[in-house]
Amino acid sequence: MSVSVRIPTILRTYTGGSAEVTAEPGTLREVIAGLDVAYPGLAGRIVDDTGNLRRFVNVYVGEEDVRFAQGMETTVPAGAHISVIPAVAGG
């Protein structure tokens, strides 16, 4: 069984316009690495050069913000839903 990943509008150019894609379960780091294989360049918009989440990108596994869990080592079990939410600025 896979996990589903909701892709924000701004990143859908990497997924061919798909709002939701699937990935294999594992740690969040493994899920994002798998997404980057299937959708080259996507991981670079979610994680920085050190492999950590970019400052203005929030990721939720289910209802839990991974920054308050184990970060990139958060377990993503089969059947889970991941939401990638970039911060929006403006005024």
N, C-alpha and C. Protein backbone atom coordinates (compact mmCIF):
# COMPACT_ATOMS: atom_id res chain seq x y z
N MET A 1 0.84 -1.17 0.00
CA MET A 1 0.00 0.00 0.00
C MET A 1 0.89 1.24 0.00
N SER A 2 0.47 2.28 -0.67
CA SER A 2 1.27 3.49 -0.80
C SER A 2 0.76 4.60 0.12
N VAL A 3 1.42 5.74 0.07
CA VAL A 3 0.97 6.95 0.76
C VAL A 3 0.56 7.96 -0.29
N SER A 4 -0.33 8.86 0.07
CA SER A 4 -0.72 9.90 -0.88
C SER A 4 -0.12 11.23 -0.44
N VAL A 5 0.31 11.99 -1.42
CA VAL A 5 0.98 13.27 -1.17
C VAL A 5 0.22 14.36 -1.92
N ARG A 6 -0.31 15.31 -1.17
CA ARG A 6 -1.00 16.46 -1.77
C ARG A 6 0.04 17.49 -2.18
N ILE A 7 0.00 17.88 -3.43
CA ILE A 7 0.97 18.80 -4.01
C ILE A 7 0.33 20.18 -4.16
N PRO A 8 0.96 21.23 -3.62
CA PRO A 8 0.38 22.56 -3.77
C PRO A 8 0.48 23.04 -5.22
N THR A 9 -0.38 23.94 -5.58
CA THR A 9 -0.46 24.45 -6.95
C THR A 9 0.90 24.89 -7.48
N ILE A 10 1.66 25.58 -6.67
CA ILE A 10 2.94 26.13 -7.12
C ILE A 10 3.96 25.04 -7.51
N LEU A 11 3.78 23.83 -7.01
CA LEU A 11 4.72 22.75 -7.33
C LEU A 11 4.18 21.74 -8.33
N ARG A 12 3.01 21.96 -8.82
CA ARG A 12 2.40 20.99 -9.74
C ARG A 12 3.06 20.93 -11.10
N THR A 13 3.88 21.91 -11.44
CA THR A 13 4.62 21.82 -12.71
C THR A 13 5.57 20.62 -12.68
N TYR A 14 6.01 20.22 -11.49
CA TYR A 14 6.90 19.06 -11.35
C TYR A 14 6.15 17.74 -11.47
N THR A 15 4.84 17.75 -11.19
CA THR A 15 4.05 16.51 -11.21
C THR A 15 3.13 16.44 -12.43
N GLY A 16 3.41 17.24 -13.43
CA GLY A 16 2.58 17.23 -14.63
C GLY A 16 1.17 17.73 -14.37
N GLY A 17 1.02 18.58 -13.35
CA GLY A 17 -0.28 19.15 -13.03
C GLY A 17 -1.07 18.37 -12.00
N SER A 18 -0.57 17.23 -11.57
CA SER A 18 -1.30 16.41 -10.59
C SER A 18 -1.33 17.07 -9.22
N ALA A 19 -2.51 17.11 -8.62
CA ALA A 19 -2.67 17.68 -7.28
C ALA A 19 -2.34 16.68 -6.20
N GLU A 20 -2.37 15.40 -6.54
CA GLU A 20 -2.05 14.35 -5.58
C GLU A 20 -1.30 13.25 -6.29
N VAL A 21 -0.22 12.80 -5.66
CA VAL A 21 0.59 11.72 -6.21
C VAL A 21 0.78 10.67 -5.12
N THR A 22 1.27 9.51 -5.50
CA THR A 22 1.51 8.45 -4.52
C THR A 22 3.01 8.19 -4.40
N ALA A 23 3.36 7.64 -3.24
CA ALA A 23 4.75 7.31 -2.97
C ALA A 23 4.78 6.08 -2.08
N GLU A 24 5.95 5.51 -1.92
CA GLU A 24 6.12 4.35 -1.05
C GLU A 24 6.28 4.83 0.39
N PRO A 25 5.78 4.08 1.35
CA PRO A 25 5.94 4.46 2.76
C PRO A 25 7.40 4.36 3.20
N GLY A 26 7.70 4.98 4.31
CA GLY A 26 9.06 4.99 4.88
C GLY A 26 9.19 6.20 5.77
N THR A 27 10.39 6.71 5.92
CA THR A 27 10.55 7.98 6.62
C THR A 27 10.18 9.09 5.65
N LEU A 28 9.94 10.27 6.17
CA LEU A 28 9.64 11.40 5.28
C LEU A 28 10.79 11.63 4.32
N ARG A 29 12.01 11.47 4.80
CA ARG A 29 13.19 11.64 3.93
C ARG A 29 13.14 10.66 2.75
N GLU A 30 12.78 9.41 3.03
CA GLU A 30 12.69 8.39 1.98
C GLU A 30 11.55 8.68 1.02
N VAL A 31 10.43 9.15 1.55
CA VAL A 31 9.28 9.47 0.70
C VAL A 31 9.65 10.59 -0.26
N ILE A 32 10.28 11.65 0.26
CA ILE A 32 10.65 12.78 -0.59
C ILE A 32 11.69 12.37 -1.62
N ALA A 33 12.64 11.52 -1.23
CA ALA A 33 13.64 11.02 -2.19
C ALA A 33 12.96 10.23 -3.30
N GLY A 34 11.98 9.40 -2.94
CA GLY A 34 11.23 8.64 -3.95
C GLY A 34 10.45 9.54 -4.88
N LEU A 35 9.86 10.60 -4.31
CA LEU A 35 9.14 11.56 -5.16
C LEU A 35 10.07 12.23 -6.14
N ASP A 36 11.30 12.52 -5.70
CA ASP A 36 12.25 13.19 -6.59
C ASP A 36 12.69 12.29 -7.74
N VAL A 37 12.68 10.98 -7.51
CA VAL A 37 13.00 10.05 -8.60
C VAL A 37 11.87 10.07 -9.63
N ALA A 38 10.63 10.05 -9.13
CA ALA A 38 9.48 10.04 -10.03
C ALA A 38 9.22 11.41 -10.66
N TYR A 39 9.53 12.47 -9.92
CA TYR A 39 9.26 13.84 -10.36
C TYR A 39 10.52 14.68 -10.12
N PRO A 40 11.51 14.57 -11.02
CA PRO A 40 12.79 15.25 -10.83
C PRO A 40 12.63 16.75 -10.53
N GLY A 41 13.39 17.18 -9.52
CA GLY A 41 13.39 18.59 -9.14
C GLY A 41 12.44 18.92 -8.00
N LEU A 42 11.48 18.04 -7.74
CA LEU A 42 10.48 18.32 -6.70
C LEU A 42 11.12 18.42 -5.31
N ALA A 43 12.01 17.51 -4.98
CA ALA A 43 12.63 17.51 -3.65
C ALA A 43 13.38 18.81 -3.39
N GLY A 44 14.01 19.36 -4.40
CA GLY A 44 14.76 20.60 -4.25
C GLY A 44 13.90 21.79 -3.86
N ARG A 45 12.60 21.68 -4.08
CA ARG A 45 11.68 22.74 -3.70
C ARG A 45 11.12 22.52 -2.29
N ILE A 46 11.33 21.33 -1.74
CA ILE A 46 10.82 20.99 -0.41
C ILE A 46 11.93 20.99 0.63
N VAL A 47 13.10 20.47 0.26
CA VAL A 47 14.24 20.41 1.18
C VAL A 47 15.38 21.29 0.68
N ASP A 48 16.23 21.71 1.63
CA ASP A 48 17.37 22.55 1.27
C ASP A 48 18.60 21.69 0.95
N ASP A 49 19.74 22.34 0.75
CA ASP A 49 20.96 21.62 0.39
C ASP A 49 21.47 20.69 1.48
N THR A 50 21.05 20.91 2.72
CA THR A 50 21.48 20.05 3.82
C THR A 50 20.54 18.87 4.02
N GLY A 51 19.45 18.82 3.24
CA GLY A 51 18.50 17.72 3.34
C GLY A 51 17.40 17.94 4.36
N ASN A 52 17.31 19.15 4.89
CA ASN A 52 16.25 19.48 5.84
C ASN A 52 15.15 20.27 5.15
N LEU A 53 13.98 20.30 5.77
CA LEU A 53 12.87 21.05 5.18
C LEU A 53 13.26 22.50 5.00
N ARG A 54 12.86 23.06 3.87
CA ARG A 54 13.08 24.49 3.66
C ARG A 54 12.32 25.27 4.72
N ARG A 55 12.84 26.42 5.04
CA ARG A 55 12.29 27.23 6.13
C ARG A 55 10.82 27.56 5.96
N PHE A 56 10.39 27.85 4.75
CA PHE A 56 9.03 28.29 4.52
C PHE A 56 8.15 27.22 3.88
N VAL A 57 8.49 25.97 4.12
CA VAL A 57 7.67 24.85 3.65
C VAL A 57 7.25 24.04 4.87
N ASN A 58 5.95 23.82 5.01
CA ASN A 58 5.42 23.01 6.10
C ASN A 58 4.95 21.68 5.52
N VAL A 59 5.23 20.61 6.23
CA VAL A 59 4.81 19.28 5.79
C VAL A 59 4.06 18.62 6.95
N TYR A 60 2.92 18.07 6.61
CA TYR A 60 2.09 17.38 7.59
C TYR A 60 1.95 15.93 7.17
N VAL A 61 2.07 15.04 8.15
CA VAL A 61 1.73 13.63 7.95
C VAL A 61 0.45 13.45 8.73
N GLY A 62 -0.64 13.25 8.00
CA GLY A 62 -1.95 13.28 8.64
C GLY A 62 -2.21 14.69 9.13
N GLU A 63 -2.46 14.84 10.41
CA GLU A 63 -2.72 16.15 11.00
C GLU A 63 -1.50 16.70 11.73
N GLU A 64 -0.38 15.96 11.70
CA GLU A 64 0.79 16.34 12.50
C GLU A 64 1.85 17.06 11.68
N ASP A 65 2.24 18.24 12.15
CA ASP A 65 3.33 19.00 11.56
C ASP A 65 4.63 18.25 11.89
N VAL A 66 5.39 17.84 10.86
CA VAL A 66 6.57 17.03 11.11
C VAL A 66 7.65 17.77 11.89
N ARG A 67 7.61 19.10 11.89
CA ARG A 67 8.60 19.86 12.68
C ARG A 67 8.43 19.59 14.17
N PHE A 68 7.22 19.20 14.57
CA PHE A 68 6.96 18.89 15.97
C PHE A 68 6.97 17.38 16.22
N ALA A 69 7.33 16.63 15.22
CA ALA A 69 7.49 15.18 15.34
C ALA A 69 8.99 14.90 15.23
N GLN A 70 9.38 14.06 14.32
CA GLN A 70 10.80 13.73 14.13
C GLN A 70 11.39 14.36 12.88
N GLY A 71 10.76 15.41 12.38
CA GLY A 71 11.29 16.09 11.19
C GLY A 71 11.35 15.15 10.00
N MET A 72 12.47 15.14 9.33
CA MET A 72 12.64 14.32 8.13
C MET A 72 12.66 12.83 8.46
N GLU A 73 12.83 12.48 9.72
CA GLU A 73 12.84 11.07 10.13
C GLU A 73 11.45 10.61 10.59
N THR A 74 10.43 11.44 10.45
CA THR A 74 9.07 11.08 10.80
C THR A 74 8.64 9.87 9.97
N THR A 75 8.08 8.88 10.61
CA THR A 75 7.61 7.69 9.91
C THR A 75 6.32 8.00 9.16
N VAL A 76 6.28 7.58 7.91
CA VAL A 76 5.10 7.74 7.07
C VAL A 76 4.60 6.34 6.74
N PRO A 77 3.59 5.86 7.48
CA PRO A 77 3.11 4.50 7.26
C PRO A 77 2.25 4.38 6.00
N ALA A 78 2.09 3.17 5.53
CA ALA A 78 1.22 2.91 4.37
C ALA A 78 -0.17 3.45 4.67
N GLY A 79 -0.77 4.07 3.68
CA GLY A 79 -2.11 4.63 3.82
C GLY A 79 -2.15 6.05 4.35
N ALA A 80 -0.99 6.57 4.75
CA ALA A 80 -0.94 7.94 5.29
C ALA A 80 -1.14 8.98 4.20
N HIS A 81 -1.52 10.17 4.63
CA HIS A 81 -1.67 11.32 3.74
C HIS A 81 -0.66 12.38 4.15
N ILE A 82 0.10 12.85 3.18
CA ILE A 82 1.09 13.90 3.41
C ILE A 82 0.60 15.16 2.70
N SER A 83 0.71 16.29 3.38
CA SER A 83 0.39 17.59 2.76
C SER A 83 1.63 18.45 2.78
N VAL A 84 1.98 18.98 1.62
CA VAL A 84 3.10 19.92 1.50
C VAL A 84 2.47 21.30 1.35
N ILE A 85 2.80 22.20 2.29
CA ILE A 85 2.17 23.51 2.30
C ILE A 85 3.23 24.59 2.37
N PRO A 86 3.47 25.29 1.25
CA PRO A 86 4.42 26.39 1.28
C PRO A 86 3.79 27.59 1.99
N ALA A 87 4.63 28.33 2.72
CA ALA A 87 4.15 29.54 3.39
C ALA A 87 3.83 30.59 2.33
N VAL A 88 2.82 31.39 2.61
CA VAL A 88 2.40 32.44 1.70
C VAL A 88 2.66 33.78 2.38
N ALA A 89 3.33 34.66 1.68
CA ALA A 89 3.61 35.99 2.24
C ALA A 89 2.85 37.04 1.44
N GLY A 90 2.67 38.15 2.03
CA GLY A 90 2.00 39.24 1.34
C GLY A 90 1.26 40.10 2.34
N GLY A 91 0.64 41.08 1.82
CA GLY A 91 -0.04 41.94 2.78
C GLY A 91 -1.04 42.84 2.12
